[in-house]
Amino acid sequence: MAKAKPFVKWVGGKGQLIDQLEALLPADFDTRENVTYIEPFVGGGAVLFHMLQVHPNI
């Protein structure tokens, strides 16, 4: 499967912060059911695309 990439290069984007943001998720995040993820500041979409690809429970 091809990895989705941000649709816009965004100065100050969160793409470089994905590892730090992942570390803030609860330890059982992937085992939770019916998780709703809201991306209020989608910008280039780096975090949104990462979350949708890595966490199938969203």
N, C-alpha and C. Protein backbone atom coordinates (compact mmCIF):
# COMPACT_ATOMS: atom_id res chain seq x y z
N MET A 1 0.85 -1.17 0.00
CA MET A 1 0.00 0.00 0.00
C MET A 1 0.90 1.24 0.00
N ALA A 2 0.60 2.19 -0.85
CA ALA A 2 1.36 3.44 -0.90
C ALA A 2 1.02 4.30 0.30
N LYS A 3 2.01 4.96 0.83
CA LYS A 3 1.82 5.83 1.98
C LYS A 3 1.28 7.18 1.52
N ALA A 4 0.18 7.62 2.10
CA ALA A 4 -0.38 8.92 1.76
C ALA A 4 0.53 10.01 2.32
N LYS A 5 0.71 11.04 1.54
CA LYS A 5 1.56 12.15 1.95
C LYS A 5 0.72 13.41 2.01
N PRO A 6 1.16 14.39 2.78
CA PRO A 6 0.41 15.65 2.85
C PRO A 6 0.17 16.21 1.45
N PHE A 7 -1.00 16.79 1.23
CA PHE A 7 -1.32 17.31 -0.08
C PHE A 7 -0.76 18.71 -0.31
N VAL A 8 -0.24 19.34 0.74
CA VAL A 8 0.37 20.66 0.64
C VAL A 8 1.58 20.68 1.57
N LYS A 9 2.70 21.17 1.08
CA LYS A 9 3.84 21.39 1.98
C LYS A 9 3.49 22.60 2.83
N TRP A 10 3.52 22.44 4.13
CA TRP A 10 3.01 23.45 5.03
C TRP A 10 4.12 23.90 5.97
N VAL A 11 4.48 25.16 5.89
CA VAL A 11 5.47 25.69 6.82
C VAL A 11 4.88 25.62 8.22
N GLY A 12 5.62 25.02 9.14
CA GLY A 12 5.10 24.86 10.50
C GLY A 12 4.15 23.69 10.62
N GLY A 13 4.15 22.80 9.64
CA GLY A 13 3.27 21.64 9.67
C GLY A 13 3.65 20.67 10.78
N LYS A 14 2.73 19.76 11.08
CA LYS A 14 2.93 18.81 12.18
C LYS A 14 3.60 17.52 11.74
N GLY A 15 3.92 17.39 10.47
CA GLY A 15 4.51 16.15 9.96
C GLY A 15 5.75 15.72 10.71
N GLN A 16 6.59 16.66 11.08
CA GLN A 16 7.82 16.33 11.79
C GLN A 16 7.57 16.03 13.27
N LEU A 17 6.35 16.24 13.72
CA LEU A 17 6.01 15.99 15.14
C LEU A 17 5.24 14.68 15.35
N ILE A 18 5.06 13.91 14.30
CA ILE A 18 4.22 12.71 14.40
C ILE A 18 4.70 11.77 15.50
N ASP A 19 5.99 11.52 15.61
CA ASP A 19 6.49 10.62 16.65
C ASP A 19 6.15 11.13 18.05
N GLN A 20 6.29 12.43 18.27
CA GLN A 20 5.97 13.00 19.58
C GLN A 20 4.47 12.95 19.85
N LEU A 21 3.67 13.19 18.83
CA LEU A 21 2.21 13.14 19.01
C LEU A 21 1.74 11.71 19.27
N GLU A 22 2.33 10.74 18.58
CA GLU A 22 2.00 9.33 18.81
C GLU A 22 2.29 8.94 20.26
N ALA A 23 3.37 9.45 20.82
CA ALA A 23 3.76 9.12 22.19
C ALA A 23 2.73 9.62 23.20
N LEU A 24 1.91 10.60 22.82
CA LEU A 24 0.90 11.16 23.72
C LEU A 24 -0.41 10.38 23.71
N LEU A 25 -0.55 9.46 22.77
CA LEU A 25 -1.78 8.66 22.72
C LEU A 25 -1.79 7.66 23.87
N PRO A 26 -2.98 7.30 24.35
CA PRO A 26 -3.06 6.29 25.42
C PRO A 26 -2.44 4.97 24.96
N ALA A 27 -1.89 4.21 25.88
CA ALA A 27 -1.21 2.95 25.57
C ALA A 27 -2.16 1.96 24.89
N ASP A 28 -3.44 2.01 25.24
CA ASP A 28 -4.41 1.06 24.67
C ASP A 28 -5.19 1.65 23.48
N PHE A 29 -4.67 2.67 22.87
CA PHE A 29 -5.39 3.36 21.79
C PHE A 29 -5.82 2.43 20.67
N ASP A 30 -4.93 1.53 20.24
CA ASP A 30 -5.24 0.64 19.12
C ASP A 30 -6.26 -0.45 19.46
N THR A 31 -6.48 -0.70 20.74
CA THR A 31 -7.45 -1.74 21.12
C THR A 31 -8.82 -1.16 21.44
N ARG A 32 -8.93 0.14 21.49
CA ARG A 32 -10.22 0.77 21.75
C ARG A 32 -11.11 0.65 20.51
N GLU A 33 -12.40 0.51 20.74
CA GLU A 33 -13.34 0.40 19.63
C GLU A 33 -14.08 1.72 19.43
N ASN A 34 -14.51 1.95 18.20
CA ASN A 34 -15.30 3.12 17.85
C ASN A 34 -14.63 4.43 18.24
N VAL A 35 -13.37 4.56 17.91
CA VAL A 35 -12.63 5.78 18.21
C VAL A 35 -12.97 6.83 17.16
N THR A 36 -13.23 8.04 17.62
CA THR A 36 -13.47 9.16 16.71
C THR A 36 -12.26 10.07 16.77
N TYR A 37 -11.65 10.32 15.63
CA TYR A 37 -10.50 11.21 15.55
C TYR A 37 -10.94 12.47 14.82
N ILE A 38 -10.69 13.62 15.43
CA ILE A 38 -11.06 14.90 14.83
C ILE A 38 -9.79 15.70 14.63
N GLU A 39 -9.59 16.16 13.42
CA GLU A 39 -8.41 16.96 13.07
C GLU A 39 -8.90 18.38 12.76
N PRO A 40 -8.96 19.25 13.78
CA PRO A 40 -9.52 20.58 13.57
C PRO A 40 -8.65 21.50 12.70
N PHE A 41 -7.35 21.25 12.68
CA PHE A 41 -6.45 22.10 11.90
C PHE A 41 -5.71 21.22 10.90
N VAL A 42 -6.43 20.73 9.89
CA VAL A 42 -5.87 19.72 8.99
C VAL A 42 -4.64 20.21 8.25
N GLY A 43 -4.53 21.47 7.93
CA GLY A 43 -3.34 21.98 7.24
C GLY A 43 -3.01 21.14 6.02
N GLY A 44 -1.81 20.56 6.00
CA GLY A 44 -1.39 19.73 4.88
C GLY A 44 -1.88 18.29 5.01
N GLY A 45 -2.40 17.91 6.14
CA GLY A 45 -2.97 16.59 6.33
C GLY A 45 -2.00 15.52 6.80
N ALA A 46 -0.77 15.87 7.18
CA ALA A 46 0.23 14.87 7.55
C ALA A 46 -0.24 14.00 8.72
N VAL A 47 -0.74 14.60 9.78
CA VAL A 47 -1.16 13.83 10.95
C VAL A 47 -2.44 13.05 10.63
N LEU A 48 -3.35 13.67 9.91
CA LEU A 48 -4.59 12.99 9.54
C LEU A 48 -4.29 11.72 8.73
N PHE A 49 -3.47 11.83 7.70
CA PHE A 49 -3.15 10.67 6.88
C PHE A 49 -2.40 9.61 7.68
N HIS A 50 -1.52 10.04 8.55
CA HIS A 50 -0.78 9.08 9.39
C HIS A 50 -1.75 8.32 10.29
N MET A 51 -2.64 9.03 10.97
CA MET A 51 -3.57 8.38 11.88
C MET A 51 -4.48 7.40 11.15
N LEU A 52 -4.96 7.76 9.98
CA LEU A 52 -5.85 6.88 9.23
C LEU A 52 -5.15 5.63 8.74
N GLN A 53 -3.87 5.74 8.43
CA GLN A 53 -3.11 4.59 7.94
C GLN A 53 -2.63 3.67 9.06
N VAL A 54 -2.27 4.23 10.18
CA VAL A 54 -1.64 3.45 11.25
C VAL A 54 -2.67 2.89 12.24
N HIS A 55 -3.77 3.55 12.43
CA HIS A 55 -4.75 3.15 13.45
C HIS A 55 -6.06 2.76 12.77
N PRO A 56 -6.26 1.48 12.51
CA PRO A 56 -7.46 1.02 11.79
C PRO A 56 -8.76 1.15 12.60
N ASN A 57 -8.66 1.43 13.89
CA ASN A 57 -9.86 1.53 14.71
C ASN A 57 -10.52 2.91 14.64
N ILE A 58 -9.96 3.79 13.86
CA ILE A 58 -10.54 5.13 13.72
C ILE A 58 -11.63 5.08 12.68
